[in-house]
């Protein structure tokens, strides 16, 4: 009899705990992509990336112009070359072409890395503000709706995007 009573008490206590936990569950959502797009520092970061991209593009175009000039020179003068000299010049042009391709690939990778390096502090600040606001308002979970993994958002779910945007802008 005592075992049944004790078991019943444990079950009732468990149900009460689960019911209480469910009633205090508070879920909100944000749109991190919107926050990044509206971040006050985004324009200056994009300007930096655009300038670096432009600088790399100018170098690339100079390399292409030199390569095309070398090809034109080879085509104009190749009739007077011996087979050995022709082969040597062709190899030089091929090596130059490979250097241009390698530069282009390296430049693209450097731009991607630089973009990540510059935008990482924005994400860090946004996540910190989300944590601050969610903690202050006792949210249990905050979902990112821009990730596309949220199948349904209840009308009761609170959108924290405006509050986080104000915090980012220092308002």
N, C-alpha and C. Protein backbone atom coordinates (compact mmCIF):
# COMPACT_ATOMS: atom_id res chain seq x y z
N UNK A 1 0.82 -1.18 0.00
CA UNK A 1 0.00 0.00 0.00
C UNK A 1 0.87 1.25 0.00
N UNK A 2 1.91 1.24 0.85
CA UNK A 2 2.81 2.39 0.89
C UNK A 2 3.50 2.59 -0.45
N UNK A 3 3.81 1.51 -1.12
CA UNK A 3 4.48 1.60 -2.41
C UNK A 3 3.55 2.25 -3.43
N UNK A 4 2.27 1.86 -3.44
CA UNK A 4 1.32 2.47 -4.36
C UNK A 4 1.17 3.96 -4.07
N UNK A 5 1.09 4.31 -2.79
CA UNK A 5 0.95 5.71 -2.41
C UNK A 5 2.19 6.50 -2.84
N UNK A 6 3.35 5.96 -2.57
CA UNK A 6 4.61 6.62 -2.92
C UNK A 6 4.74 6.76 -4.44
N UNK A 7 4.38 5.72 -5.15
CA UNK A 7 4.43 5.76 -6.61
C UNK A 7 3.44 6.79 -7.16
N UNK A 8 2.26 6.84 -6.60
CA UNK A 8 1.26 7.83 -7.02
C UNK A 8 1.75 9.25 -6.74
N UNK A 9 2.38 9.46 -5.62
CA UNK A 9 2.90 10.79 -5.27
C UNK A 9 4.00 11.21 -6.25
N UNK A 10 4.86 10.27 -6.64
CA UNK A 10 5.93 10.58 -7.59
C UNK A 10 5.33 10.93 -8.95
N UNK A 11 4.33 10.19 -9.40
CA UNK A 11 3.69 10.45 -10.68
C UNK A 11 3.01 11.82 -10.66
N UNK A 12 2.30 12.13 -9.60
CA UNK A 12 1.62 13.44 -9.48
C UNK A 12 2.65 14.56 -9.46
N UNK A 13 3.71 14.38 -8.74
CA UNK A 13 4.78 15.39 -8.68
C UNK A 13 5.41 15.58 -10.06
N UNK A 14 5.63 14.50 -10.77
CA UNK A 14 6.20 14.58 -12.12
C UNK A 14 5.26 15.34 -13.06
N UNK A 15 3.98 15.01 -13.03
CA UNK A 15 3.00 15.68 -13.90
C UNK A 15 2.93 17.16 -13.56
N UNK A 16 2.95 17.50 -12.30
CA UNK A 16 2.89 18.91 -11.89
C UNK A 16 4.14 19.65 -12.36
N UNK A 17 5.29 19.00 -12.29
CA UNK A 17 6.54 19.63 -12.74
C UNK A 17 6.51 19.86 -14.24
N UNK A 18 6.06 18.86 -15.00
CA UNK A 18 5.98 18.99 -16.45
C UNK A 18 4.99 20.09 -16.83
N UNK A 19 3.84 20.12 -16.18
CA UNK A 19 2.84 21.15 -16.47
C UNK A 19 3.38 22.54 -16.16
N UNK A 20 4.10 22.67 -15.06
CA UNK A 20 4.68 23.95 -14.68
C UNK A 20 5.77 24.36 -15.67
N UNK A 21 6.57 23.41 -16.11
CA UNK A 21 7.64 23.72 -17.06
C UNK A 21 7.06 24.17 -18.39
N UNK A 22 5.97 23.53 -18.81
CA UNK A 22 5.35 23.92 -20.07
C UNK A 22 4.73 25.30 -19.99
N UNK A 23 4.22 25.66 -18.84
CA UNK A 23 3.59 26.98 -18.73
C UNK A 23 4.61 28.10 -18.70
N UNK A 24 5.86 27.84 -18.35
CA UNK A 24 6.88 28.89 -18.30
C UNK A 24 7.74 28.92 -19.56
N UNK A 25 7.46 28.07 -20.50
CA UNK A 25 8.22 28.04 -21.74
C UNK A 25 7.87 29.27 -22.57
N UNK A 26 8.87 30.07 -22.90
CA UNK A 26 8.65 31.30 -23.66
C UNK A 26 9.53 31.24 -24.90
N UNK A 27 8.90 31.34 -26.06
CA UNK A 27 9.63 31.21 -27.33
C UNK A 27 9.47 32.49 -28.13
N UNK A 28 10.57 32.97 -28.67
CA UNK A 28 10.55 34.14 -29.54
C UNK A 28 11.29 33.82 -30.83
N UNK A 29 11.28 34.77 -31.74
CA UNK A 29 12.01 34.56 -32.99
C UNK A 29 12.63 35.87 -33.45
N UNK A 30 13.67 35.74 -34.25
CA UNK A 30 14.35 36.88 -34.87
C UNK A 30 14.66 36.53 -36.31
N UNK A 31 14.95 37.55 -37.08
CA UNK A 31 15.40 37.36 -38.45
C UNK A 31 16.82 37.91 -38.52
N UNK A 32 17.79 37.04 -38.37
CA UNK A 32 19.19 37.47 -38.30
C UNK A 32 19.63 38.11 -39.61
N UNK A 33 19.17 37.60 -40.74
CA UNK A 33 19.56 38.20 -42.02
C UNK A 33 19.06 39.64 -42.12
N UNK A 34 17.87 39.89 -41.65
CA UNK A 34 17.34 41.26 -41.64
C UNK A 34 18.19 42.15 -40.74
N UNK A 35 18.59 41.61 -39.60
CA UNK A 35 19.42 42.38 -38.67
C UNK A 35 20.78 42.71 -39.29
N UNK A 36 21.36 41.76 -40.01
CA UNK A 36 22.64 42.01 -40.67
C UNK A 36 22.46 43.08 -41.75
N UNK A 37 21.41 42.94 -42.56
CA UNK A 37 21.18 43.89 -43.65
C UNK A 37 20.92 45.31 -43.14
N UNK A 38 20.35 45.44 -41.96
CA UNK A 38 20.04 46.76 -41.41
C UNK A 38 21.08 47.24 -40.40
N UNK A 39 22.15 46.47 -40.23
CA UNK A 39 23.18 46.86 -39.26
C UNK A 39 23.87 48.14 -39.74
N UNK A 40 24.09 49.09 -38.84
CA UNK A 40 24.70 50.37 -39.26
C UNK A 40 26.12 50.24 -39.82
N UNK A 41 26.83 49.19 -39.49
CA UNK A 41 28.21 49.03 -39.97
C UNK A 41 28.30 48.32 -41.32
N UNK A 42 27.19 47.77 -41.80
CA UNK A 42 27.24 46.96 -43.02
C UNK A 42 27.72 47.75 -44.23
N UNK A 43 27.26 48.98 -44.39
CA UNK A 43 27.66 49.78 -45.56
C UNK A 43 29.16 50.01 -45.59
N UNK A 44 29.76 50.32 -44.45
CA UNK A 44 31.20 50.56 -44.44
C UNK A 44 31.97 49.27 -44.72
N UNK A 45 31.47 48.15 -44.23
CA UNK A 45 32.13 46.86 -44.51
C UNK A 45 32.03 46.52 -45.99
N UNK A 46 30.88 46.77 -46.58
CA UNK A 46 30.71 46.50 -48.00
C UNK A 46 31.62 47.41 -48.83
N UNK A 47 31.81 48.64 -48.40
CA UNK A 47 32.72 49.55 -49.11
C UNK A 47 34.15 49.04 -49.08
N UNK A 48 34.57 48.51 -47.94
CA UNK A 48 35.92 47.95 -47.82
C UNK A 48 36.08 46.78 -48.78
N UNK A 49 35.12 45.87 -48.79
CA UNK A 49 35.18 44.70 -49.67
C UNK A 49 35.16 45.12 -51.13
N UNK A 50 34.32 46.08 -51.47
CA UNK A 50 34.26 46.56 -52.86
C UNK A 50 35.58 47.17 -53.30
N UNK A 51 36.23 47.93 -52.41
CA UNK A 51 37.52 48.54 -52.76
C UNK A 51 38.59 47.47 -52.94
N UNK A 52 38.63 46.51 -52.04
CA UNK A 52 39.61 45.43 -52.15
C UNK A 52 39.36 44.61 -53.42
N UNK A 53 38.10 44.38 -53.73
CA UNK A 53 37.76 43.66 -54.95
C UNK A 53 38.19 44.44 -56.18
N UNK A 54 37.97 45.74 -56.16
CA UNK A 54 38.37 46.60 -57.28
C UNK A 54 39.89 46.57 -57.45
N UNK A 55 40.63 46.65 -56.35
CA UNK A 55 42.10 46.60 -56.42
C UNK A 55 42.58 45.28 -57.03
N UNK A 56 41.98 44.18 -56.59
CA UNK A 56 42.36 42.87 -57.12
C UNK A 56 41.98 42.75 -58.59
N UNK A 57 40.85 43.31 -58.97
CA UNK A 57 40.41 43.27 -60.36
C UNK A 57 41.37 44.05 -61.25
N UNK A 58 41.87 45.19 -60.76
CA UNK A 58 42.83 45.97 -61.54
C UNK A 58 44.12 45.18 -61.78
N UNK A 59 44.60 44.51 -60.75
CA UNK A 59 45.80 43.68 -60.90
C UNK A 59 45.54 42.57 -61.91
N UNK A 60 44.38 41.93 -61.80
CA UNK A 60 44.01 40.86 -62.72
C UNK A 60 43.96 41.36 -64.16
N UNK A 61 43.36 42.53 -64.37
CA UNK A 61 43.27 43.09 -65.72
C UNK A 61 44.65 43.45 -66.27
N UNK A 62 45.55 43.92 -65.41
CA UNK A 62 46.93 44.20 -65.84
C UNK A 62 47.62 42.91 -66.28
N UNK A 63 47.41 41.86 -65.51
CA UNK A 63 48.01 40.57 -65.85
C UNK A 63 47.47 40.06 -67.19
N UNK A 64 46.17 40.21 -67.40
CA UNK A 64 45.55 39.78 -68.66
C UNK A 64 46.12 40.59 -69.83
N UNK A 65 46.25 41.89 -69.65
CA UNK A 65 46.78 42.75 -70.72
C UNK A 65 48.21 42.35 -71.07
N UNK A 66 49.04 42.08 -70.05
CA UNK A 66 50.41 41.64 -70.30
C UNK A 66 50.42 40.30 -71.02
N UNK A 67 49.53 39.42 -70.63
CA UNK A 67 49.44 38.10 -71.25
C UNK A 67 49.03 38.22 -72.73
N UNK A 68 48.03 39.04 -72.99
CA UNK A 68 47.59 39.24 -74.37
C UNK A 68 48.69 39.88 -75.22
N UNK A 69 49.43 40.81 -74.63
CA UNK A 69 50.55 41.44 -75.35
C UNK A 69 51.63 40.40 -75.66
N UNK A 70 51.89 39.51 -74.72
CA UNK A 70 52.89 38.46 -74.94
C UNK A 70 52.44 37.52 -76.06
N UNK A 71 51.17 37.21 -76.10
CA UNK A 71 50.64 36.34 -77.16
C UNK A 71 50.76 37.03 -78.52
N UNK A 72 50.37 38.30 -78.57
CA UNK A 72 50.46 39.05 -79.83
C UNK A 72 51.91 39.14 -80.32
N UNK A 73 52.81 39.39 -79.40
CA UNK A 73 54.23 39.48 -79.76
C UNK A 73 54.72 38.14 -80.29
N UNK A 74 54.33 37.07 -79.61
CA UNK A 74 54.75 35.74 -80.04
C UNK A 74 54.21 35.44 -81.44
N UNK A 75 52.94 35.74 -81.67
CA UNK A 75 52.34 35.47 -82.98
C UNK A 75 52.99 36.31 -84.08
N UNK A 76 53.37 37.53 -83.76
CA UNK A 76 53.98 38.42 -84.76
C UNK A 76 55.41 37.99 -85.08
N UNK A 77 56.13 37.47 -84.09
CA UNK A 77 57.55 37.18 -84.28
C UNK A 77 57.87 35.70 -84.39
N UNK A 78 56.89 34.83 -84.24
CA UNK A 78 57.17 33.40 -84.16
C UNK A 78 57.73 32.80 -85.45
N UNK A 79 57.47 33.41 -86.60
CA UNK A 79 58.00 32.88 -87.85
C UNK A 79 59.52 32.89 -87.87
N UNK A 80 60.13 33.84 -87.19
CA UNK A 80 61.58 33.94 -87.18
C UNK A 80 62.24 33.11 -86.09
N UNK A 81 61.46 32.44 -85.26
CA UNK A 81 62.02 31.66 -84.14
C UNK A 81 62.36 30.24 -84.59
N UNK A 82 63.37 29.71 -83.94
CA UNK A 82 63.66 28.29 -84.14
C UNK A 82 62.63 27.50 -83.34
N UNK A 83 62.56 26.20 -83.60
CA UNK A 83 61.59 25.37 -82.89
C UNK A 83 61.82 25.41 -81.38
N UNK A 84 63.06 25.42 -80.96
CA UNK A 84 63.39 25.47 -79.54
C UNK A 84 62.88 26.77 -78.91
N UNK A 85 63.12 27.89 -79.57
CA UNK A 85 62.69 29.19 -79.06
C UNK A 85 61.16 29.27 -79.05
N UNK A 86 60.52 28.75 -80.12
CA UNK A 86 59.05 28.73 -80.16
C UNK A 86 58.49 27.97 -78.96
N UNK A 87 59.06 26.78 -78.73
CA UNK A 87 58.59 25.95 -77.62
C UNK A 87 58.81 26.66 -76.29
N UNK A 88 59.94 27.30 -76.13
CA UNK A 88 60.25 28.03 -74.90
C UNK A 88 59.26 29.17 -74.69
N UNK A 89 58.99 29.94 -75.73
CA UNK A 89 58.04 31.07 -75.63
C UNK A 89 56.61 30.56 -75.35
N UNK A 90 56.23 29.47 -75.99
CA UNK A 90 54.90 28.90 -75.73
C UNK A 90 54.78 28.46 -74.26
N UNK A 91 55.83 27.85 -73.75
CA UNK A 91 55.83 27.43 -72.35
C UNK A 91 55.73 28.64 -71.41
N UNK A 92 56.44 29.72 -71.77
CA UNK A 92 56.38 30.94 -70.96
C UNK A 92 54.96 31.51 -70.95
N UNK A 93 54.31 31.51 -72.11
CA UNK A 93 52.94 32.01 -72.21
C UNK A 93 51.99 31.12 -71.41
N UNK A 94 52.19 29.81 -71.49
CA UNK A 94 51.36 28.87 -70.73
C UNK A 94 51.54 29.08 -69.22
N UNK A 95 52.79 29.25 -68.78
CA UNK A 95 53.06 29.50 -67.37
C UNK A 95 52.40 30.81 -66.91
N UNK A 96 52.47 31.82 -67.77
CA UNK A 96 51.85 33.10 -67.45
C UNK A 96 50.33 32.93 -67.31
N UNK A 97 49.74 32.15 -68.19
CA UNK A 97 48.31 31.88 -68.12
C UNK A 97 47.95 31.16 -66.82
N UNK A 98 48.76 30.20 -66.43
CA UNK A 98 48.52 29.46 -65.19
C UNK A 98 48.67 30.38 -63.97
N UNK A 99 49.62 31.31 -64.01
CA UNK A 99 49.79 32.26 -62.91
C UNK A 99 48.57 33.16 -62.79
N UNK A 100 48.01 33.55 -63.93
CA UNK A 100 46.81 34.40 -63.92
C UNK A 100 45.64 33.64 -63.29
N UNK A 101 45.48 32.38 -63.68
CA UNK A 101 44.40 31.57 -63.12
C UNK A 101 44.59 31.38 -61.62
N UNK A 102 45.83 31.11 -61.21
CA UNK A 102 46.11 30.92 -59.79
C UNK A 102 45.84 32.21 -59.01
N UNK A 103 46.24 33.35 -59.59
CA UNK A 103 46.00 34.63 -58.93
C UNK A 103 44.49 34.86 -58.77
N UNK A 104 43.74 34.59 -59.81
CA UNK A 104 42.29 34.81 -59.76
C UNK A 104 41.64 33.95 -58.67
N UNK A 105 42.03 32.69 -58.60
CA UNK A 105 41.48 31.80 -57.58
C UNK A 105 41.88 32.26 -56.18
N UNK A 106 43.14 32.63 -56.02
CA UNK A 106 43.62 33.10 -54.72
C UNK A 106 42.92 34.40 -54.32
N UNK A 107 42.75 35.30 -55.27
CA UNK A 107 42.09 36.57 -54.98
C UNK A 107 40.64 36.34 -54.55
N UNK A 108 39.94 35.45 -55.23
CA UNK A 108 38.55 35.16 -54.85
C UNK A 108 38.48 34.58 -53.44
N UNK A 109 39.40 33.67 -53.14
CA UNK A 109 39.42 33.07 -51.80
C UNK A 109 39.75 34.12 -50.74
N UNK A 110 40.70 35.00 -51.04
CA UNK A 110 41.05 36.06 -50.09
C UNK A 110 39.87 37.00 -49.86
N UNK A 111 39.12 37.31 -50.90
CA UNK A 111 37.95 38.17 -50.73
C UNK A 111 36.89 37.50 -49.86
N UNK A 112 36.68 36.22 -50.07
CA UNK A 112 35.71 35.50 -49.24
C UNK A 112 36.16 35.48 -47.78
N UNK A 113 37.45 35.21 -47.56
CA UNK A 113 37.98 35.19 -46.20
C UNK A 113 37.87 36.56 -45.55
N UNK A 114 38.19 37.59 -46.31
CA UNK A 114 38.13 38.96 -45.79
C UNK A 114 36.68 39.33 -45.45
N UNK A 115 35.76 38.94 -46.30
CA UNK A 115 34.34 39.20 -46.04
C UNK A 115 33.91 38.54 -44.74
N UNK A 116 34.30 37.29 -44.55
CA UNK A 116 33.97 36.58 -43.31
C UNK A 116 34.61 37.26 -42.10
N UNK A 117 35.86 37.67 -42.27
CA UNK A 117 36.58 38.34 -41.18
C UNK A 117 35.89 39.63 -40.78
N UNK A 118 35.41 40.38 -41.75
CA UNK A 118 34.77 41.66 -41.47
C UNK A 118 33.36 41.51 -40.91
N UNK A 119 32.63 40.51 -41.38
CA UNK A 119 31.22 40.39 -40.97
C UNK A 119 31.06 39.61 -39.66
N UNK A 120 32.08 38.87 -39.27
CA UNK A 120 31.99 38.07 -38.05
C UNK A 120 31.67 38.93 -36.82
N UNK A 121 32.29 40.10 -36.63
CA UNK A 121 31.93 40.93 -35.47
C UNK A 121 30.46 41.38 -35.47
N UNK A 122 29.87 41.55 -36.65
CA UNK A 122 28.45 41.91 -36.72
C UNK A 122 27.60 40.78 -36.16
N UNK A 123 27.89 39.56 -36.60
CA UNK A 123 27.14 38.41 -36.10
C UNK A 123 27.34 38.25 -34.59
N UNK A 124 28.56 38.48 -34.15
CA UNK A 124 28.84 38.35 -32.72
C UNK A 124 28.02 39.37 -31.93
N UNK A 125 27.97 40.62 -32.40
CA UNK A 125 27.20 41.66 -31.73
C UNK A 125 25.71 41.32 -31.75
N UNK A 126 25.22 40.88 -32.90
CA UNK A 126 23.80 40.53 -33.02
C UNK A 126 23.44 39.41 -32.06
N UNK A 127 24.27 38.37 -32.02
CA UNK A 127 24.00 37.25 -31.11
C UNK A 127 24.06 37.68 -29.65
N UNK A 128 24.98 38.59 -29.33
CA UNK A 128 25.08 39.09 -27.96
C UNK A 128 23.82 39.87 -27.58
N UNK A 129 23.34 40.71 -28.50
CA UNK A 129 22.12 41.48 -28.22
C UNK A 129 20.91 40.57 -28.10
N UNK A 130 20.85 39.54 -28.93
CA UNK A 130 19.75 38.57 -28.81
C UNK A 130 19.79 37.92 -27.44
N UNK A 131 20.98 37.51 -27.01
CA UNK A 131 21.12 36.88 -25.69
C UNK A 131 20.72 37.84 -24.58
N UNK A 132 21.16 39.09 -24.68
CA UNK A 132 20.82 40.09 -23.65
C UNK A 132 19.31 40.29 -23.55
N UNK A 133 18.67 40.50 -24.69
CA UNK A 133 17.23 40.77 -24.70
C UNK A 133 16.45 39.53 -24.28
N UNK A 134 16.82 38.37 -24.81
CA UNK A 134 16.12 37.13 -24.47
C UNK A 134 16.27 36.82 -22.98
N UNK A 135 17.46 37.03 -22.45
CA UNK A 135 17.68 36.79 -21.03
C UNK A 135 16.88 37.75 -20.16
N UNK A 136 16.87 39.03 -20.54
CA UNK A 136 16.15 40.04 -19.76
C UNK A 136 14.64 39.80 -19.78
N UNK A 137 14.14 39.22 -20.87
CA UNK A 137 12.70 38.99 -21.00
C UNK A 137 12.31 37.54 -20.73
N UNK A 138 13.25 36.76 -20.19
CA UNK A 138 13.00 35.37 -19.78
C UNK A 138 12.54 34.45 -20.90
N UNK A 139 13.14 34.60 -22.07
CA UNK A 139 12.83 33.68 -23.17
C UNK A 139 13.59 32.37 -22.95
N UNK A 140 12.91 31.27 -23.22
CA UNK A 140 13.55 29.96 -23.14
C UNK A 140 14.28 29.65 -24.44
N UNK A 141 13.64 29.97 -25.56
CA UNK A 141 14.22 29.74 -26.88
C UNK A 141 13.98 30.96 -27.76
N UNK A 142 14.96 31.24 -28.63
CA UNK A 142 14.79 32.25 -29.68
C UNK A 142 15.22 31.59 -30.98
N UNK A 143 14.32 31.52 -31.94
CA UNK A 143 14.58 30.86 -33.21
C UNK A 143 14.93 31.88 -34.28
N UNK A 144 15.81 31.49 -35.19
CA UNK A 144 16.17 32.35 -36.32
C UNK A 144 15.30 31.95 -37.51
N UNK A 145 14.36 32.80 -37.87
CA UNK A 145 13.44 32.48 -38.97
C UNK A 145 14.10 32.64 -40.33
N UNK A 146 15.21 33.36 -40.41
CA UNK A 146 15.87 33.53 -41.71
C UNK A 146 16.58 32.26 -42.16
N UNK A 147 16.84 31.35 -41.24
CA UNK A 147 17.51 30.10 -41.60
C UNK A 147 16.58 29.17 -42.37
N UNK A 148 15.29 29.42 -42.31
CA UNK A 148 14.34 28.62 -43.08
C UNK A 148 14.01 27.28 -42.46
N UNK A 149 14.42 27.04 -41.22
CA UNK A 149 14.17 25.76 -40.58
C UNK A 149 12.94 25.77 -39.69
N UNK A 150 12.24 26.88 -39.61
CA UNK A 150 11.07 26.99 -38.76
C UNK A 150 9.84 26.70 -39.62
N UNK A 151 9.13 25.64 -39.27
CA UNK A 151 7.97 25.24 -40.07
C UNK A 151 6.73 26.06 -39.72
N UNK A 152 6.64 26.52 -38.49
CA UNK A 152 5.46 27.26 -38.06
C UNK A 152 5.85 28.23 -36.96
N UNK A 153 5.29 29.43 -37.04
CA UNK A 153 5.48 30.42 -35.98
C UNK A 153 4.10 30.79 -35.46
N UNK A 154 3.90 30.52 -34.22
CA UNK A 154 2.62 30.84 -33.59
C UNK A 154 2.45 32.35 -33.47
N UNK A 155 1.24 32.83 -33.57
CA UNK A 155 1.01 34.26 -33.36
C UNK A 155 1.44 34.71 -31.96
N UNK A 156 1.49 33.77 -31.00
CA UNK A 156 1.93 34.10 -29.65
C UNK A 156 3.45 34.24 -29.55
N UNK A 157 4.15 33.74 -30.56
CA UNK A 157 5.61 33.86 -30.55
C UNK A 157 5.99 35.32 -30.77
N UNK A 158 6.89 35.80 -29.96
CA UNK A 158 7.26 37.22 -30.01
C UNK A 158 8.44 37.43 -30.95
N UNK A 159 8.33 38.42 -31.82
CA UNK A 159 9.41 38.77 -32.74
C UNK A 159 10.35 39.74 -32.03
N UNK A 160 11.57 39.30 -31.78
CA UNK A 160 12.56 40.12 -31.10
C UNK A 160 13.39 40.96 -32.06
N UNK A 161 13.17 40.80 -33.36
CA UNK A 161 13.97 41.52 -34.35
C UNK A 161 13.97 43.03 -34.12
N UNK A 162 12.81 43.68 -33.93
CA UNK A 162 12.84 45.13 -33.71
C UNK A 162 13.63 45.54 -32.47
N UNK A 163 13.49 44.79 -31.39
CA UNK A 163 14.22 45.13 -30.16
C UNK A 163 15.72 44.97 -30.34
N UNK A 164 16.13 43.91 -31.04
CA UNK A 164 17.56 43.69 -31.29
C UNK A 164 18.10 44.77 -32.21
N UNK A 165 17.32 45.15 -33.22
CA UNK A 165 17.74 46.20 -34.15
C UNK A 165 17.95 47.52 -33.41
N UNK A 166 17.07 47.86 -32.48
CA UNK A 166 17.24 49.07 -31.68
C UNK A 166 18.52 48.99 -30.86
N UNK A 167 18.79 47.84 -30.28
CA UNK A 167 19.99 47.68 -29.46
C UNK A 167 21.26 47.81 -30.30
N UNK A 168 21.23 47.25 -31.51
CA UNK A 168 22.39 47.33 -32.40
C UNK A 168 22.67 48.78 -32.78
N UNK A 169 21.60 49.51 -33.05
CA UNK A 169 21.74 50.90 -33.47
C UNK A 169 21.98 51.84 -32.30
N UNK A 170 21.94 51.29 -31.09
CA UNK A 170 22.20 52.10 -29.92
C UNK A 170 21.05 52.99 -29.52
N UNK A 171 19.87 52.63 -29.89
CA UNK A 171 18.68 53.45 -29.58
C UNK A 171 18.13 53.10 -28.22
